[in-house]
């Protein structure tokens, strides 16, 4: 849990520090040139795909995935 929180905090800092001027700056990732915005977008897509992979395993273990829990007034 601590490592997950630390990685989320790290990513939050990266997203918060991005400016319009920095968004198109080139950086290397996986040996290719990307823009800073492209790297952060890749991170979002990767997180979504990973979560999508985890959901069936949660369901197999009878765990309700957080995105399937009731929200707001409907929550009991």
PDB file of N, CA and C in Angstrom:
ATOM      1  N   UNK A   1       0.833  -1.190   0.000  1.00  0.00           N
ATOM      2  CA  UNK A   1       0.000   0.000   0.000  1.00  0.00           C
ATOM      3  C   UNK A   1       0.876   1.252   0.000  1.00  0.00           C
ATOM      4  N   UNK A   2       1.956   1.234   0.772  1.00  0.00           N
ATOM      5  CA  UNK A   2       2.850   2.396   0.835  1.00  0.00           C
ATOM      6  C   UNK A   2       3.480   2.677  -0.526  1.00  0.00           C
ATOM      7  N   UNK A   3       3.882   1.629  -1.226  1.00  0.00           N
ATOM      8  CA  UNK A   3       4.492   1.808  -2.547  1.00  0.00           C
ATOM      9  C   UNK A   3       3.474   2.355  -3.551  1.00  0.00           C
ATOM     10  N   UNK A   4       2.237   1.887  -3.470  1.00  0.00           N
ATOM     11  CA  UNK A   4       1.192   2.379  -4.365  1.00  0.00           C
ATOM     12  C   UNK A   4       0.915   3.856  -4.103  1.00  0.00           C
ATOM     13  N   UNK A   5       0.838   4.226  -2.826  1.00  0.00           N
ATOM     14  CA  UNK A   5       0.626   5.629  -2.472  1.00  0.00           C
ATOM     15  C   UNK A   5       1.793   6.486  -2.954  1.00  0.00           C
ATOM     16  N   UNK A   6       3.008   6.008  -2.758  1.00  0.00           N
ATOM     17  CA  UNK A   6       4.186   6.770  -3.189  1.00  0.00           C
ATOM     18  C   UNK A   6       4.182   6.961  -4.708  1.00  0.00           C
ATOM     19  N   UNK A   7       3.794   5.924  -5.454  1.00  0.00           N
ATOM     20  CA  UNK A   7       3.768   6.055  -6.913  1.00  0.00           C
ATOM     21  C   UNK A   7       2.669   7.022  -7.345  1.00  0.00           C
ATOM     22  N   UNK A   8       1.529   6.993  -6.673  1.00  0.00           N
ATOM     23  CA  UNK A   8       0.454   7.936  -6.991  1.00  0.00           C
ATOM     24  C   UNK A   8       0.876   9.366  -6.678  1.00  0.00           C
ATOM     25  N   UNK A   9       1.543   9.560  -5.547  1.00  0.00           N
ATOM     26  CA  UNK A   9       2.034  10.894  -5.181  1.00  0.00           C
ATOM     27  C   UNK A   9       3.042  11.400  -6.211  1.00  0.00           C
ATOM     28  N   UNK A  10       3.917  10.523  -6.673  1.00  0.00           N
ATOM     29  CA  UNK A  10       4.906  10.887  -7.682  1.00  0.00           C
ATOM     30  C   UNK A  10       4.214  11.342  -8.969  1.00  0.00           C
ATOM     31  N   UNK A  11       3.222  10.561  -9.393  1.00  0.00           N
ATOM     32  CA  UNK A  11       2.500  10.907 -10.619  1.00  0.00           C
ATOM     33  C   UNK A  11       1.712  12.207 -10.450  1.00  0.00           C
ATOM     34  N   UNK A  12       1.098  12.393  -9.285  1.00  0.00           N
ATOM     35  CA  UNK A  12       0.373  13.638  -9.037  1.00  0.00           C
ATOM     36  C   UNK A  12       1.291  14.842  -9.197  1.00  0.00           C
ATOM     37  N   UNK A  13       2.511  14.731  -8.696  1.00  0.00           N
ATOM     38  CA  UNK A  13       3.488  15.819  -8.822  1.00  0.00           C
ATOM     39  C   UNK A  13       3.811  16.084 -10.291  1.00  0.00           C
ATOM     40  N   UNK A  14       3.973  15.022 -11.059  1.00  0.00           N
ATOM     41  CA  UNK A  14       4.281  15.179 -12.490  1.00  0.00           C
ATOM     42  C   UNK A  14       3.129  15.855 -13.227  1.00  0.00           C
ATOM     43  N   UNK A  15       1.894  15.430 -12.953  1.00  0.00           N
ATOM     44  CA  UNK A  15       0.734  16.036 -13.610  1.00  0.00           C
ATOM     45  C   UNK A  15       0.575  17.496 -13.186  1.00  0.00           C
ATOM     46  N   UNK A  16       0.707  17.762 -11.885  1.00  0.00           N
ATOM     47  CA  UNK A  16       0.528  19.120 -11.371  1.00  0.00           C
ATOM     48  C   UNK A  16       1.577  20.090 -11.890  1.00  0.00           C
ATOM     49  N   UNK A  17       2.782  19.614 -12.163  1.00  0.00           N
ATOM     50  CA  UNK A  17       3.863  20.504 -12.583  1.00  0.00           C
ATOM     51  C   UNK A  17       3.876  20.770 -14.091  1.00  0.00           C
ATOM     52  N   UNK A  18       3.081  20.022 -14.863  1.00  0.00           N
ATOM     53  CA  UNK A  18       3.080  20.202 -16.313  1.00  0.00           C
ATOM     54  C   UNK A  18       2.400  21.522 -16.678  1.00  0.00           C
ATOM     55  N   UNK A  19       3.061  22.302 -17.504  1.00  0.00           N
ATOM     56  CA  UNK A  19       2.486  23.546 -18.012  1.00  0.00           C
ATOM     57  C   UNK A  19       2.240  23.394 -19.510  1.00  0.00           C
ATOM     58  N   UNK A  20       1.476  24.314 -20.061  1.00  0.00           N
ATOM     59  CA  UNK A  20       1.232  24.273 -21.506  1.00  0.00           C
ATOM     60  C   UNK A  20       2.546  24.340 -22.278  1.00  0.00           C
ATOM     61  N   UNK A  21       3.459  25.179 -21.797  1.00  0.00           N
ATOM     62  CA  UNK A  21       4.751  25.352 -22.482  1.00  0.00           C
ATOM     63  C   UNK A  21       5.590  24.076 -22.429  1.00  0.00           C
ATOM     64  N   UNK A  22       5.483  23.322 -21.345  1.00  0.00           N
ATOM     65  CA  UNK A  22       6.284  22.102 -21.183  1.00  0.00           C
ATOM     66  C   UNK A  22       5.670  20.902 -21.910  1.00  0.00           C
ATOM     67  N   UNK A  23       4.376  20.941 -22.184  1.00  0.00           N
ATOM     68  CA  UNK A  23       3.650  19.774 -22.695  1.00  0.00           C
ATOM     69  C   UNK A  23       4.246  19.197 -23.972  1.00  0.00           C
ATOM     70  N   UNK A  24       4.803  20.051 -24.813  1.00  0.00           N
ATOM     71  CA  UNK A  24       5.325  19.565 -26.094  1.00  0.00           C
ATOM     72  C   UNK A  24       6.831  19.326 -26.076  1.00  0.00           C
ATOM     73  N   UNK A  25       7.461  19.492 -24.926  1.00  0.00           N
ATOM     74  CA  UNK A  25       8.901  19.235 -24.838  1.00  0.00           C
ATOM     75  C   UNK A  25       9.170  17.747 -25.046  1.00  0.00           C
ATOM     76  N   UNK A  26      10.203  17.423 -25.830  1.00  0.00           N
ATOM     77  CA  UNK A  26      10.504  16.014 -26.070  1.00  0.00           C
ATOM     78  C   UNK A  26      11.246  15.370 -24.900  1.00  0.00           C
ATOM     79  N   UNK A  27      10.917  14.125 -24.636  1.00  0.00           N
ATOM     80  CA  UNK A  27      11.613  13.303 -23.643  1.00  0.00           C
ATOM     81  C   UNK A  27      11.767  11.901 -24.225  1.00  0.00           C
ATOM     82  N   UNK A  28      12.687  11.135 -23.696  1.00  0.00           N
ATOM     83  CA  UNK A  28      12.883   9.750 -24.145  1.00  0.00           C
ATOM     84  C   UNK A  28      12.111   8.806 -23.229  1.00  0.00           C
ATOM     85  N   UNK A  29      11.411   7.869 -23.839  1.00  0.00           N
ATOM     86  CA  UNK A  29      10.752   6.799 -23.096  1.00  0.00           C
ATOM     87  C   UNK A  29      10.772   5.567 -23.983  1.00  0.00           C
ATOM     88  N   UNK A  30      11.233   4.455 -23.455  1.00  0.00           N
ATOM     89  CA  UNK A  30      11.351   3.212 -24.216  1.00  0.00           C
ATOM     90  C   UNK A  30      12.189   3.401 -25.479  1.00  0.00           C
ATOM     91  N   UNK A  31      13.200   4.285 -25.396  1.00  0.00           N
ATOM     92  CA  UNK A  31      14.097   4.509 -26.516  1.00  0.00           C
ATOM     93  C   UNK A  31      13.511   5.341 -27.641  1.00  0.00           C
ATOM     94  N   UNK A  32      12.348   5.918 -27.419  1.00  0.00           N
ATOM     95  CA  UNK A  32      11.687   6.750 -28.435  1.00  0.00           C
ATOM     96  C   UNK A  32      11.512   8.158 -27.920  1.00  0.00           C
ATOM     97  N   UNK A  33      11.337   9.096 -28.837  1.00  0.00           N
ATOM     98  CA  UNK A  33      11.005  10.461 -28.462  1.00  0.00           C
ATOM     99  C   UNK A  33       9.502  10.580 -28.258  1.00  0.00           C
ATOM    100  N   UNK A  34       9.127  11.145 -27.117  1.00  0.00           N
ATOM    101  CA  UNK A  34       7.728  11.407 -26.782  1.00  0.00           C
ATOM    102  C   UNK A  34       7.648  12.854 -26.327  1.00  0.00           C
ATOM    103  N   UNK A  35       6.444  13.393 -26.299  1.00  0.00           N
ATOM    104  CA  UNK A  35       6.260  14.676 -25.626  1.00  0.00           C
ATOM    105  C   UNK A  35       5.969  14.377 -24.157  1.00  0.00           C
ATOM    106  N   UNK A  36       6.194  15.374 -23.311  1.00  0.00           N
ATOM    107  CA  UNK A  36       5.880  15.173 -21.887  1.00  0.00           C
ATOM    108  C   UNK A  36       4.395  14.826 -21.709  1.00  0.00           C
ATOM    109  N   UNK A  37       3.537  15.507 -22.441  1.00  0.00           N
ATOM    110  CA  UNK A  37       2.109  15.217 -22.361  1.00  0.00           C
ATOM    111  C   UNK A  37       1.819  13.797 -22.835  1.00  0.00           C
ATOM    112  N   UNK A  38       2.508  13.352 -23.884  1.00  0.00           N
ATOM    113  CA  UNK A  38       2.330  11.995 -24.388  1.00  0.00           C
ATOM    114  C   UNK A  38       2.700  10.938 -23.357  1.00  0.00           C
ATOM    115  N   UNK A  39       3.754  11.196 -22.586  1.00  0.00           N
ATOM    116  CA  UNK A  39       4.171  10.263 -21.535  1.00  0.00           C
ATOM    117  C   UNK A  39       3.094  10.175 -20.453  1.00  0.00           C
ATOM    118  N   UNK A  40       2.546  11.315 -20.052  1.00  0.00           N
ATOM    119  CA  UNK A  40       1.504  11.298 -19.022  1.00  0.00           C
ATOM    120  C   UNK A  40       0.232  10.637 -19.539  1.00  0.00           C
ATOM    121  N   UNK A  41      -0.076  10.857 -20.816  1.00  0.00           N
ATOM    122  CA  UNK A  41      -1.237  10.199 -21.416  1.00  0.00           C
ATOM    123  C   UNK A  41      -1.030   8.684 -21.446  1.00  0.00           C
ATOM    124  N   UNK A  42       0.166   8.257 -21.810  1.00  0.00           N
ATOM    125  CA  UNK A  42       0.498   6.836 -21.797  1.00  0.00           C
ATOM    126  C   UNK A  42       0.274   6.254 -20.401  1.00  0.00           C
ATOM    127  N   UNK A  43       0.659   7.001 -19.376  1.00  0.00           N
ATOM    128  CA  UNK A  43       0.492   6.539 -17.996  1.00  0.00           C
ATOM    129  C   UNK A  43      -0.984   6.336 -17.657  1.00  0.00           C
ATOM    130  N   UNK A  44      -1.830   7.258 -18.079  1.00  0.00           N
ATOM    131  CA  UNK A  44      -3.269   7.135 -17.824  1.00  0.00           C
ATOM    132  C   UNK A  44      -3.825   5.884 -18.505  1.00  0.00           C
ATOM    133  N   UNK A  45      -3.470   5.693 -19.768  1.00  0.00           N
ATOM    134  CA  UNK A  45      -3.946   4.528 -20.519  1.00  0.00           C
ATOM    135  C   UNK A  45      -3.463   3.234 -19.866  1.00  0.00           C
ATOM    136  N   UNK A  46      -2.182   3.205 -19.478  1.00  0.00           N
ATOM    137  CA  UNK A  46      -1.622   2.019 -18.839  1.00  0.00           C
ATOM    138  C   UNK A  46      -2.361   1.705 -17.531  1.00  0.00           C
ATOM    139  N   UNK A  47      -2.624   2.733 -16.727  1.00  0.00           N
ATOM    140  CA  UNK A  47      -3.348   2.523 -15.463  1.00  0.00           C
ATOM    141  C   UNK A  47      -4.739   1.963 -15.717  1.00  0.00           C
ATOM    142  N   UNK A  48      -5.431   2.486 -16.728  1.00  0.00           N
ATOM    143  CA  UNK A  48      -6.777   1.990 -17.046  1.00  0.00           C
ATOM    144  C   UNK A  48      -6.739   0.536 -17.497  1.00  0.00           C
ATOM    145  N   UNK A  49      -5.771   0.196 -18.321  1.00  0.00           N
ATOM    146  CA  UNK A  49      -5.659  -1.185 -18.789  1.00  0.00           C
ATOM    147  C   UNK A  49      -5.324  -2.126 -17.634  1.00  0.00           C
ATOM    148  N   UNK A  50      -4.446  -1.699 -16.754  1.00  0.00           N
ATOM    149  CA  UNK A  50      -4.085  -2.520 -15.597  1.00  0.00           C
ATOM    150  C   UNK A  50      -5.283  -2.738 -14.689  1.00  0.00           C
ATOM    151  N   UNK A  51      -6.044  -1.685 -14.449  1.00  0.00           N
ATOM    152  CA  UNK A  51      -7.244  -1.817 -13.620  1.00  0.00           C
ATOM    153  C   UNK A  51      -8.232  -2.776 -14.287  1.00  0.00           C
ATOM    154  N   UNK A  52      -8.391  -2.659 -15.592  1.00  0.00           N
ATOM    155  CA  UNK A  52      -9.291  -3.552 -16.313  1.00  0.00           C
ATOM    156  C   UNK A  52      -8.868  -5.008 -16.206  1.00  0.00           C
ATOM    157  N   UNK A  53      -7.567  -5.251 -16.105  1.00  0.00           N
ATOM    158  CA  UNK A  53      -7.063  -6.604 -15.921  1.00  0.00           C
ATOM    159  C   UNK A  53      -7.318  -7.096 -14.503  1.00  0.00           C
ATOM    160  N   UNK A  54      -7.271  -6.196 -13.534  1.00  0.00           N
ATOM    161  CA  UNK A  54      -7.442  -6.575 -12.128  1.00  0.00           C
ATOM    162  C   UNK A  54      -8.892  -6.890 -11.771  1.00  0.00           C
ATOM    163  N   UNK A  55      -9.853  -6.245 -12.435  1.00  0.00           N
ATOM    164  CA  UNK A  55     -11.268  -6.391 -12.078  1.00  0.00           C
ATOM    165  C   UNK A  55     -11.744  -7.849 -12.099  1.00  0.00           C
ATOM    166  N   UNK A  56     -11.464  -8.638 -13.136  1.00  0.00           N
ATOM    167  CA  UNK A  56     -11.929 -10.033 -13.099  1.00  0.00           C
ATOM    168  C   UNK A  56     -11.357 -10.819 -11.913  1.00  0.00           C
ATOM    169  N   UNK A  57     -10.106 -10.544 -11.564  1.00  0.00           N
ATOM    170  CA  UNK A  57      -9.510 -11.245 -10.426  1.00  0.00           C
ATOM    171  C   UNK A  57     -10.182 -10.828  -9.121  1.00  0.00           C
ATOM    172  N   UNK A  58     -10.543  -9.549  -9.002  1.00  0.00           N
ATOM    173  CA  UNK A  58     -11.281  -9.116  -7.810  1.00  0.00           C
ATOM    174  C   UNK A  58     -12.621  -9.840  -7.734  1.00  0.00           C
ATOM    175  N   UNK A  59     -13.306  -9.907  -8.858  1.00  0.00           N
ATOM    176  CA  UNK A  59     -14.616 -10.557  -8.882  1.00  0.00           C
ATOM    177  C   UNK A  59     -14.512 -12.052  -8.557  1.00  0.00           C
ATOM    178  N   UNK A  60     -13.467 -12.714  -9.050  1.00  0.00           N
ATOM    179  CA  UNK A  60     -13.259 -14.132  -8.734  1.00  0.00           C
ATOM    180  C   UNK A  60     -13.120 -14.332  -7.229  1.00  0.00           C
ATOM    181  N   UNK A  61     -12.512 -13.352  -6.551  1.00  0.00           N
ATOM    182  CA  UNK A  61     -12.313 -13.420  -5.096  1.00  0.00           C
ATOM    183  C   UNK A  61     -13.478 -12.794  -4.331  1.00  0.00           C
ATOM    184  N   UNK A  62     -14.597 -12.562  -5.032  1.00  0.00           N
ATOM    185  CA  UNK A  62     -15.793 -11.967  -4.430  1.00  0.00           C
ATOM    186  C   UNK A  62     -15.537 -10.588  -3.827  1.00  0.00           C
ATOM    187  N   UNK A  63     -14.680  -9.824  -4.485  1.00  0.00           N
ATOM    188  CA  UNK A  63     -14.414  -8.442  -4.092  1.00  0.00           C
ATOM    189  C   UNK A  63     -15.117  -7.549  -5.106  1.00  0.00           C
ATOM    190  N   UNK A  64     -15.885  -6.586  -4.615  1.00  0.00           N
ATOM    191  CA  UNK A  64     -16.545  -5.648  -5.516  1.00  0.00           C
ATOM    192  C   UNK A  64     -15.522  -4.590  -5.919  1.00  0.00           C
ATOM    193  N   UNK A  65     -15.242  -4.464  -7.214  1.00  0.00           N
ATOM    194  CA  UNK A  65     -14.287  -3.441  -7.654  1.00  0.00           C
ATOM    195  C   UNK A  65     -14.776  -2.044  -7.256  1.00  0.00           C
ATOM    196  N   UNK A  66     -13.870  -1.143  -6.895  1.00  0.00           N
ATOM    197  CA  UNK A  66     -14.275   0.191  -6.456  1.00  0.00           C
ATOM    198  C   UNK A  66     -15.178   0.918  -7.446  1.00  0.00           C
ATOM    199  N   UNK A  67     -14.987   0.708  -8.737  1.00  0.00           N
ATOM    200  CA  UNK A  67     -15.823   1.387  -9.725  1.00  0.00           C
ATOM    201  C   UNK A  67     -17.220   0.786  -9.834  1.00  0.00           C
ATOM    202  N   UNK A  68     -17.467  -0.350  -9.172  1.00  0.00           N
ATOM    203  CA  UNK A  68     -18.790  -0.976  -9.198  1.00  0.00           C
ATOM    204  C   UNK A  68     -19.569  -0.731  -7.911  1.00  0.00           C
ATOM    205  N   UNK A  69     -18.938  -0.110  -6.925  1.00  0.00           N
ATOM    206  CA  UNK A  69     -19.628   0.160  -5.663  1.00  0.00           C
ATOM    207  C   UNK A  69     -20.638   1.289  -5.855  1.00  0.00           C
ATOM    208  N   UNK A  70     -21.745   1.229  -5.117  1.00  0.00           N
ATOM    209  CA  UNK A  70     -22.720   2.325  -5.198  1.00  0.00           C
ATOM    210  C   UNK A  70     -22.092   3.654  -4.778  1.00  0.00           C
ATOM    211  N   UNK A  71     -22.594   4.742  -5.355  1.00  0.00           N
ATOM    212  CA  UNK A  71     -22.060   6.073  -5.038  1.00  0.00           C
ATOM    213  C   UNK A  71     -23.136   6.942  -4.392  1.00  0.00           C
ATOM    214  N   UNK A  72     -22.690   7.928  -3.656  1.00  0.00           N
ATOM    215  CA  UNK A  72     -23.559   8.965  -3.122  1.00  0.00           C
ATOM    216  C   UNK A  72     -24.724   8.437  -2.328  1.00  0.00           C
ATOM    217  N   UNK A  73     -25.911   8.962  -2.619  1.00  0.00           N
ATOM    218  CA  UNK A  73     -27.118   8.621  -1.872  1.00  0.00           C
ATOM    219  C   UNK A  73     -27.518   7.155  -2.040  1.00  0.00           C
ATOM    220  N   UNK A  74     -27.146   6.552  -3.141  1.00  0.00           N
ATOM    221  CA  UNK A  74     -27.513   5.153  -3.394  1.00  0.00           C
ATOM    222  C   UNK A  74     -26.711   4.189  -2.536  1.00  0.00           C
ATOM    223  N   UNK A  75     -25.591   4.673  -1.965  1.00  0.00           N
ATOM    224  CA  UNK A  75     -24.743   3.799  -1.159  1.00  0.00           C
ATOM    225  C   UNK A  75     -25.380   3.519   0.185  1.00  0.00           C
ATOM    226  N   UNK A  76     -25.341   2.249   0.595  1.00  0.00           N
ATOM    227  CA  UNK A  76     -25.963   1.863   1.866  1.00  0.00           C
ATOM    228  C   UNK A  76     -24.934   1.444   2.864  1.00  0.00           C
TER     229      UNK A  76
END
